[in-house]
Each structure stands twice: as C-alpha cells, then as structure tokens.
Amino acid sequence: MRFSDGTEPPLSQAIVSGGLVFTSGQGPLDPATNEMPADFAAQATQVLSNLVAVFEAAGSGKDRIVKCTCYLSDRKDFPEFNRVYREFFADSSPLPARTTVVAQLVREGVLVEIDAVAEV
C-alpha cells in the first residue's frame, strides 16, 4: 500500500499475535487497478474483499473473522451497509461481532473502512 505521493504509510496491513490476526483499516481501493468505486455498495464489497485477502495472506480467512469495526462516512449508508455485510457473511454462523461508527474518513471519497480480528 502506498499514499498518492508514493510514500508508504507507517503501519502494517496485519499483525499476527497470540493466535489472532489484527488488520489495519481496509479501504475500497481495488489492488489490481488502484481505483476506488464511486458508489457505496461497491466500496463496501471491495473493502470486505480486501479484508479477506489480508487475512488469507496472514494464514487466516473469512470463516475465522471474529470481530469487525466498521467506519461509515455517512449515517444514511447504514441500511445499505447492513445489506452488503449480511450478504457477504451469509454463510457465516455466528456472524462476527461488530461495531459500526460514523466518522469522517481520512481519504477523500472513501465511504467505508473496516478493521477486523480473526483467528489464525
């Protein structure tokens, strides 16, 4: 991951500690194109896909996610986020524990960001 000025952010994508994988916040950039979808549902789907890719790279996976902290830039997107999230985790039981916060996100145009914890 790089900032638009080419520098790397001062963080790790994920850290494994105590049998758990902790991710940094994952945004909606497509890693193949470095582009960001414009609409909320597409951003949320991309964020969840990016999250799973980070977990898989750390030796975990979607089925091992235990906690998500979700950040939305606008409260009006909460119902749509619930729809996308429920669809994404349709085969998961129980669903991961979750906290959702409405906050101003750092990068312009980012509508959703998620950090999460999974078992290794």
N, C-alpha and C. Protein backbone atom coordinates (compact mmCIF):
# COMPACT_ATOMS: atom_id res chain seq x y z
N MET A 1 0.84 -1.17 0.00
CA MET A 1 0.00 0.00 0.00
C MET A 1 0.89 1.23 0.00
N ARG A 2 0.48 2.23 -0.79
CA ARG A 2 1.22 3.49 -0.85
C ARG A 2 0.23 4.65 -0.85
N PHE A 3 0.69 5.78 -0.30
CA PHE A 3 -0.09 7.00 -0.41
C PHE A 3 0.04 7.53 -1.83
N SER A 4 -0.82 8.49 -2.19
CA SER A 4 -0.79 9.05 -3.54
C SER A 4 0.54 9.72 -3.86
N ASP A 5 1.29 10.15 -2.85
CA ASP A 5 2.60 10.77 -3.11
C ASP A 5 3.71 9.73 -3.23
N GLY A 6 3.35 8.44 -3.20
CA GLY A 6 4.32 7.36 -3.38
C GLY A 6 4.95 6.84 -2.11
N THR A 7 4.69 7.50 -0.99
CA THR A 7 5.26 7.04 0.27
C THR A 7 4.40 5.92 0.87
N GLU A 8 5.03 5.14 1.71
CA GLU A 8 4.30 4.07 2.39
C GLU A 8 3.79 4.58 3.73
N PRO A 9 2.56 4.20 4.11
CA PRO A 9 2.04 4.64 5.41
C PRO A 9 2.78 3.94 6.55
N PRO A 10 2.83 4.58 7.71
CA PRO A 10 3.54 4.00 8.86
C PRO A 10 2.68 2.98 9.60
N LEU A 11 2.40 1.85 8.94
CA LEU A 11 1.57 0.82 9.55
C LEU A 11 1.81 -0.51 8.85
N SER A 12 1.33 -1.58 9.48
CA SER A 12 1.34 -2.91 8.87
C SER A 12 -0.07 -3.21 8.41
N GLN A 13 -0.20 -3.93 7.31
CA GLN A 13 -1.54 -4.34 6.85
C GLN A 13 -2.19 -5.25 7.88
N ALA A 14 -1.37 -6.10 8.51
CA ALA A 14 -1.87 -7.00 9.54
C ALA A 14 -0.71 -7.44 10.43
N ILE A 15 -1.06 -7.80 11.64
CA ILE A 15 -0.11 -8.33 12.61
C ILE A 15 -0.72 -9.60 13.20
N VAL A 16 0.10 -10.65 13.30
CA VAL A 16 -0.33 -11.88 13.95
C VAL A 16 0.25 -11.88 15.36
N SER A 17 -0.62 -12.06 16.35
CA SER A 17 -0.18 -12.07 17.74
C SER A 17 -1.15 -12.91 18.56
N GLY A 18 -0.61 -13.80 19.37
CA GLY A 18 -1.45 -14.58 20.27
C GLY A 18 -2.49 -15.42 19.56
N GLY A 19 -2.18 -15.91 18.37
CA GLY A 19 -3.13 -16.74 17.64
C GLY A 19 -4.22 -15.96 16.92
N LEU A 20 -4.08 -14.64 16.89
CA LEU A 20 -5.06 -13.79 16.22
C LEU A 20 -4.37 -12.94 15.16
N VAL A 21 -5.14 -12.55 14.15
CA VAL A 21 -4.68 -11.62 13.12
C VAL A 21 -5.45 -10.32 13.31
N PHE A 22 -4.72 -9.23 13.46
CA PHE A 22 -5.31 -7.90 13.61
C PHE A 22 -4.99 -7.11 12.35
N THR A 23 -6.00 -6.60 11.66
CA THR A 23 -5.74 -5.82 10.46
C THR A 23 -5.76 -4.33 10.76
N SER A 24 -5.08 -3.59 9.91
CA SER A 24 -5.26 -2.14 9.87
C SER A 24 -6.56 -1.89 9.10
N GLY A 25 -7.02 -0.66 9.11
CA GLY A 25 -8.23 -0.33 8.37
C GLY A 25 -8.05 -0.61 6.88
N GLN A 26 -9.02 -1.30 6.32
CA GLN A 26 -9.00 -1.62 4.89
C GLN A 26 -9.98 -0.70 4.17
N GLY A 27 -9.50 -0.08 3.12
CA GLY A 27 -10.31 0.83 2.33
C GLY A 27 -10.79 0.17 1.05
N PRO A 28 -11.47 0.95 0.19
CA PRO A 28 -12.10 0.40 -1.00
C PRO A 28 -11.26 0.43 -2.28
N LEU A 29 -9.94 0.60 -2.18
CA LEU A 29 -9.13 0.58 -3.40
C LEU A 29 -9.02 -0.83 -3.94
N ASP A 30 -9.23 -0.98 -5.23
CA ASP A 30 -9.02 -2.26 -5.90
C ASP A 30 -7.51 -2.44 -6.04
N PRO A 31 -6.93 -3.49 -5.46
CA PRO A 31 -5.48 -3.64 -5.52
C PRO A 31 -4.94 -3.86 -6.94
N ALA A 32 -5.77 -4.35 -7.84
CA ALA A 32 -5.33 -4.59 -9.22
C ALA A 32 -5.25 -3.30 -10.03
N THR A 33 -6.16 -2.36 -9.75
CA THR A 33 -6.23 -1.14 -10.55
C THR A 33 -5.86 0.12 -9.77
N ASN A 34 -5.84 0.02 -8.44
CA ASN A 34 -5.62 1.15 -7.55
C ASN A 34 -6.71 2.20 -7.71
N GLU A 35 -7.89 1.76 -8.16
CA GLU A 35 -9.03 2.66 -8.32
C GLU A 35 -10.07 2.35 -7.25
N MET A 36 -10.91 3.35 -6.98
CA MET A 36 -11.92 3.23 -5.95
C MET A 36 -13.31 3.35 -6.58
N PRO A 37 -14.21 2.40 -6.30
CA PRO A 37 -15.57 2.52 -6.82
C PRO A 37 -16.23 3.80 -6.29
N ALA A 38 -17.16 4.34 -7.05
CA ALA A 38 -17.81 5.58 -6.65
C ALA A 38 -18.99 5.35 -5.70
N ASP A 39 -19.74 4.25 -5.90
CA ASP A 39 -20.95 4.07 -5.10
C ASP A 39 -20.68 3.28 -3.82
N PHE A 40 -21.54 3.49 -2.84
CA PHE A 40 -21.32 2.91 -1.51
C PHE A 40 -21.29 1.38 -1.53
N ALA A 41 -22.26 0.73 -2.15
CA ALA A 41 -22.32 -0.74 -2.13
C ALA A 41 -21.06 -1.35 -2.74
N ALA A 42 -20.59 -0.79 -3.84
CA ALA A 42 -19.37 -1.31 -4.47
C ALA A 42 -18.16 -1.08 -3.58
N GLN A 43 -18.10 0.06 -2.90
CA GLN A 43 -17.00 0.30 -1.97
C GLN A 43 -17.03 -0.70 -0.82
N ALA A 44 -18.21 -0.93 -0.25
CA ALA A 44 -18.32 -1.86 0.87
C ALA A 44 -17.90 -3.27 0.45
N THR A 45 -18.32 -3.69 -0.72
CA THR A 45 -17.95 -5.01 -1.23
C THR A 45 -16.45 -5.11 -1.43
N GLN A 46 -15.84 -4.06 -1.99
CA GLN A 46 -14.39 -4.06 -2.21
C GLN A 46 -13.63 -4.10 -0.88
N VAL A 47 -14.09 -3.34 0.10
CA VAL A 47 -13.45 -3.33 1.42
C VAL A 47 -13.47 -4.74 2.02
N LEU A 48 -14.61 -5.40 1.97
CA LEU A 48 -14.72 -6.75 2.53
C LEU A 48 -13.82 -7.73 1.77
N SER A 49 -13.75 -7.60 0.46
CA SER A 49 -12.84 -8.45 -0.32
C SER A 49 -11.39 -8.19 0.05
N ASN A 50 -11.02 -6.92 0.21
CA ASN A 50 -9.65 -6.57 0.61
C ASN A 50 -9.33 -7.14 1.98
N LEU A 51 -10.29 -7.08 2.88
CA LEU A 51 -10.11 -7.61 4.23
C LEU A 51 -9.81 -9.10 4.19
N VAL A 52 -10.58 -9.84 3.42
CA VAL A 52 -10.36 -11.29 3.30
C VAL A 52 -8.99 -11.57 2.69
N ALA A 53 -8.58 -10.80 1.70
CA ALA A 53 -7.26 -11.01 1.08
C ALA A 53 -6.14 -10.82 2.10
N VAL A 54 -6.27 -9.83 2.97
CA VAL A 54 -5.26 -9.60 4.01
C VAL A 54 -5.25 -10.77 4.99
N PHE A 55 -6.42 -11.22 5.39
CA PHE A 55 -6.48 -12.37 6.31
C PHE A 55 -5.87 -13.62 5.68
N GLU A 56 -6.19 -13.87 4.41
CA GLU A 56 -5.64 -15.05 3.74
C GLU A 56 -4.12 -14.96 3.64
N ALA A 57 -3.60 -13.78 3.36
CA ALA A 57 -2.14 -13.61 3.29
C ALA A 57 -1.48 -13.87 4.64
N ALA A 58 -2.24 -13.68 5.72
CA ALA A 58 -1.71 -13.89 7.07
C ALA A 58 -2.00 -15.30 7.59
N GLY A 59 -2.57 -16.17 6.74
CA GLY A 59 -2.83 -17.54 7.14
C GLY A 59 -4.18 -17.76 7.79
N SER A 60 -5.10 -16.83 7.61
CA SER A 60 -6.44 -16.95 8.17
C SER A 60 -7.44 -16.94 7.02
N GLY A 61 -8.67 -16.52 7.27
CA GLY A 61 -9.66 -16.46 6.20
C GLY A 61 -10.98 -15.91 6.69
N LYS A 62 -11.90 -15.76 5.77
CA LYS A 62 -13.22 -15.18 6.04
C LYS A 62 -13.94 -15.92 7.16
N ASP A 63 -13.84 -17.24 7.17
CA ASP A 63 -14.57 -18.05 8.14
C ASP A 63 -13.97 -17.98 9.55
N ARG A 64 -12.87 -17.26 9.71
CA ARG A 64 -12.20 -17.17 11.01
C ARG A 64 -12.29 -15.76 11.60
N ILE A 65 -13.02 -14.87 10.92
CA ILE A 65 -13.18 -13.49 11.41
C ILE A 65 -14.08 -13.50 12.65
N VAL A 66 -13.61 -12.86 13.72
CA VAL A 66 -14.38 -12.84 14.97
C VAL A 66 -14.90 -11.45 15.33
N LYS A 67 -14.30 -10.38 14.79
CA LYS A 67 -14.71 -9.03 15.16
C LYS A 67 -14.40 -8.06 14.03
N CYS A 68 -15.36 -7.20 13.71
CA CYS A 68 -15.17 -6.14 12.72
C CYS A 68 -15.52 -4.80 13.35
N THR A 69 -14.70 -3.81 13.08
CA THR A 69 -15.02 -2.44 13.43
C THR A 69 -15.17 -1.71 12.10
N CYS A 70 -16.36 -1.18 11.87
CA CYS A 70 -16.72 -0.62 10.57
C CYS A 70 -16.93 0.88 10.71
N TYR A 71 -16.37 1.62 9.77
CA TYR A 71 -16.45 3.07 9.78
C TYR A 71 -17.17 3.52 8.52
N LEU A 72 -18.27 4.24 8.70
CA LEU A 72 -19.03 4.79 7.58
C LEU A 72 -18.89 6.30 7.60
N SER A 73 -18.79 6.91 6.44
CA SER A 73 -18.66 8.37 6.40
C SER A 73 -20.02 9.06 6.51
N ASP A 74 -21.11 8.32 6.31
CA ASP A 74 -22.45 8.92 6.35
C ASP A 74 -23.45 7.93 6.93
N ARG A 75 -24.18 8.36 7.92
CA ARG A 75 -25.17 7.52 8.59
C ARG A 75 -26.23 6.99 7.61
N LYS A 76 -26.53 7.73 6.56
CA LYS A 76 -27.57 7.29 5.61
C LYS A 76 -27.20 5.98 4.92
N ASP A 77 -25.91 5.63 4.90
CA ASP A 77 -25.46 4.40 4.25
C ASP A 77 -25.59 3.17 5.15
N PHE A 78 -26.01 3.34 6.40
CA PHE A 78 -26.08 2.22 7.34
C PHE A 78 -26.98 1.08 6.85
N PRO A 79 -28.20 1.34 6.37
CA PRO A 79 -29.03 0.23 5.89
C PRO A 79 -28.39 -0.52 4.71
N GLU A 80 -27.79 0.20 3.79
CA GLU A 80 -27.12 -0.44 2.65
C GLU A 80 -25.90 -1.23 3.12
N PHE A 81 -25.19 -0.70 4.09
CA PHE A 81 -24.05 -1.43 4.64
C PHE A 81 -24.51 -2.74 5.26
N ASN A 82 -25.59 -2.69 6.03
CA ASN A 82 -26.11 -3.92 6.63
C ASN A 82 -26.47 -4.95 5.56
N ARG A 83 -27.05 -4.50 4.45
CA ARG A 83 -27.42 -5.42 3.37
C ARG A 83 -26.17 -6.08 2.79
N VAL A 84 -25.16 -5.28 2.44
CA VAL A 84 -23.93 -5.81 1.85
C VAL A 84 -23.22 -6.74 2.84
N TYR A 85 -23.13 -6.32 4.08
CA TYR A 85 -22.45 -7.10 5.12
C TYR A 85 -23.15 -8.44 5.33
N ARG A 86 -24.48 -8.40 5.44
CA ARG A 86 -25.26 -9.63 5.64
C ARG A 86 -25.07 -10.58 4.46
N GLU A 87 -25.08 -10.05 3.25
CA GLU A 87 -24.88 -10.87 2.05
C GLU A 87 -23.47 -11.47 2.03
N PHE A 88 -22.49 -10.67 2.38
CA PHE A 88 -21.10 -11.13 2.38
C PHE A 88 -20.89 -12.26 3.38
N PHE A 89 -21.50 -12.14 4.55
CA PHE A 89 -21.34 -13.15 5.60
C PHE A 89 -22.52 -14.12 5.66
N ALA A 90 -23.22 -14.30 4.55
CA ALA A 90 -24.42 -15.15 4.52
C ALA A 90 -24.14 -16.58 4.99
N ASP A 91 -22.95 -17.08 4.72
CA ASP A 91 -22.62 -18.46 5.09
C ASP A 91 -21.90 -18.55 6.44
N SER A 92 -21.85 -17.46 7.17
CA SER A 92 -21.15 -17.44 8.46
C SER A 92 -22.15 -17.52 9.61
N SER A 93 -21.91 -18.45 10.50
CA SER A 93 -22.75 -18.55 11.69
C SER A 93 -21.88 -19.02 12.84
N PRO A 94 -21.77 -18.24 13.87
CA PRO A 94 -22.40 -16.94 14.05
C PRO A 94 -21.68 -15.86 13.24
N LEU A 95 -22.36 -14.74 13.06
CA LEU A 95 -21.72 -13.59 12.41
C LEU A 95 -20.62 -13.05 13.32
N PRO A 96 -19.60 -12.42 12.75
CA PRO A 96 -18.58 -11.79 13.60
C PRO A 96 -19.22 -10.71 14.48
N ALA A 97 -18.68 -10.51 15.67
CA ALA A 97 -19.08 -9.37 16.48
C ALA A 97 -18.75 -8.11 15.67
N ARG A 98 -19.52 -7.03 15.89
CA ARG A 98 -19.32 -5.86 15.05
C ARG A 98 -19.65 -4.58 15.79
N THR A 99 -18.85 -3.56 15.53
CA THR A 99 -19.13 -2.20 15.95
C THR A 99 -19.14 -1.35 14.69
N THR A 100 -20.13 -0.46 14.56
CA THR A 100 -20.18 0.43 13.41
C THR A 100 -20.18 1.87 13.92
N VAL A 101 -19.29 2.67 13.35
CA VAL A 101 -19.11 4.05 13.76
C VAL A 101 -19.26 4.95 12.54
N VAL A 102 -19.92 6.08 12.72
CA VAL A 102 -19.97 7.09 11.66
C VAL A 102 -18.88 8.11 11.97
N ALA A 103 -17.99 8.32 11.00
CA ALA A 103 -16.84 9.19 11.23
C ALA A 103 -16.34 9.78 9.92
N GLN A 104 -15.66 10.89 10.01
CA GLN A 104 -15.00 11.44 8.83
C GLN A 104 -13.77 10.59 8.55
N LEU A 105 -13.69 10.04 7.35
CA LEU A 105 -12.57 9.18 6.99
C LEU A 105 -11.46 10.01 6.35
N VAL A 106 -10.24 9.52 6.45
CA VAL A 106 -9.06 10.31 6.08
C VAL A 106 -9.00 10.61 4.59
N ARG A 107 -9.19 9.61 3.75
CA ARG A 107 -9.02 9.81 2.31
C ARG A 107 -10.32 10.32 1.67
N GLU A 108 -10.19 11.34 0.85
CA GLU A 108 -11.32 11.91 0.12
C GLU A 108 -12.00 10.83 -0.72
N GLY A 109 -13.32 10.75 -0.64
CA GLY A 109 -14.08 9.81 -1.46
C GLY A 109 -14.30 8.45 -0.84
N VAL A 110 -13.59 8.15 0.26
CA VAL A 110 -13.78 6.86 0.93
C VAL A 110 -15.05 6.94 1.76
N LEU A 111 -15.97 6.01 1.51
CA LEU A 111 -17.25 5.99 2.19
C LEU A 111 -17.32 4.96 3.30
N VAL A 112 -16.41 3.98 3.26
CA VAL A 112 -16.42 2.90 4.25
C VAL A 112 -15.00 2.35 4.44
N GLU A 113 -14.68 1.99 5.67
CA GLU A 113 -13.40 1.37 6.01
C GLU A 113 -13.68 0.36 7.12
N ILE A 114 -12.95 -0.74 7.13
CA ILE A 114 -13.14 -1.77 8.16
C ILE A 114 -11.79 -2.26 8.65
N ASP A 115 -11.66 -2.40 9.96
CA ASP A 115 -10.55 -3.18 10.51
C ASP A 115 -11.17 -4.35 11.25
N ALA A 116 -10.42 -5.43 11.38
CA ALA A 116 -11.01 -6.65 11.92
C ALA A 116 -9.97 -7.52 12.61
N VAL A 117 -10.48 -8.52 13.31
CA VAL A 117 -9.67 -9.50 14.01
C VAL A 117 -10.17 -10.88 13.61
N ALA A 118 -9.23 -11.80 13.35
CA ALA A 118 -9.59 -13.18 13.02
C ALA A 118 -8.65 -14.13 13.73
N GLU A 119 -9.11 -15.35 13.92
CA GLU A 119 -8.24 -16.40 14.44
C GLU A 119 -7.33 -16.88 13.32
N VAL A 120 -6.12 -17.31 13.69
CA VAL A 120 -5.20 -17.86 12.68
C VAL A 120 -5.68 -19.24 12.30
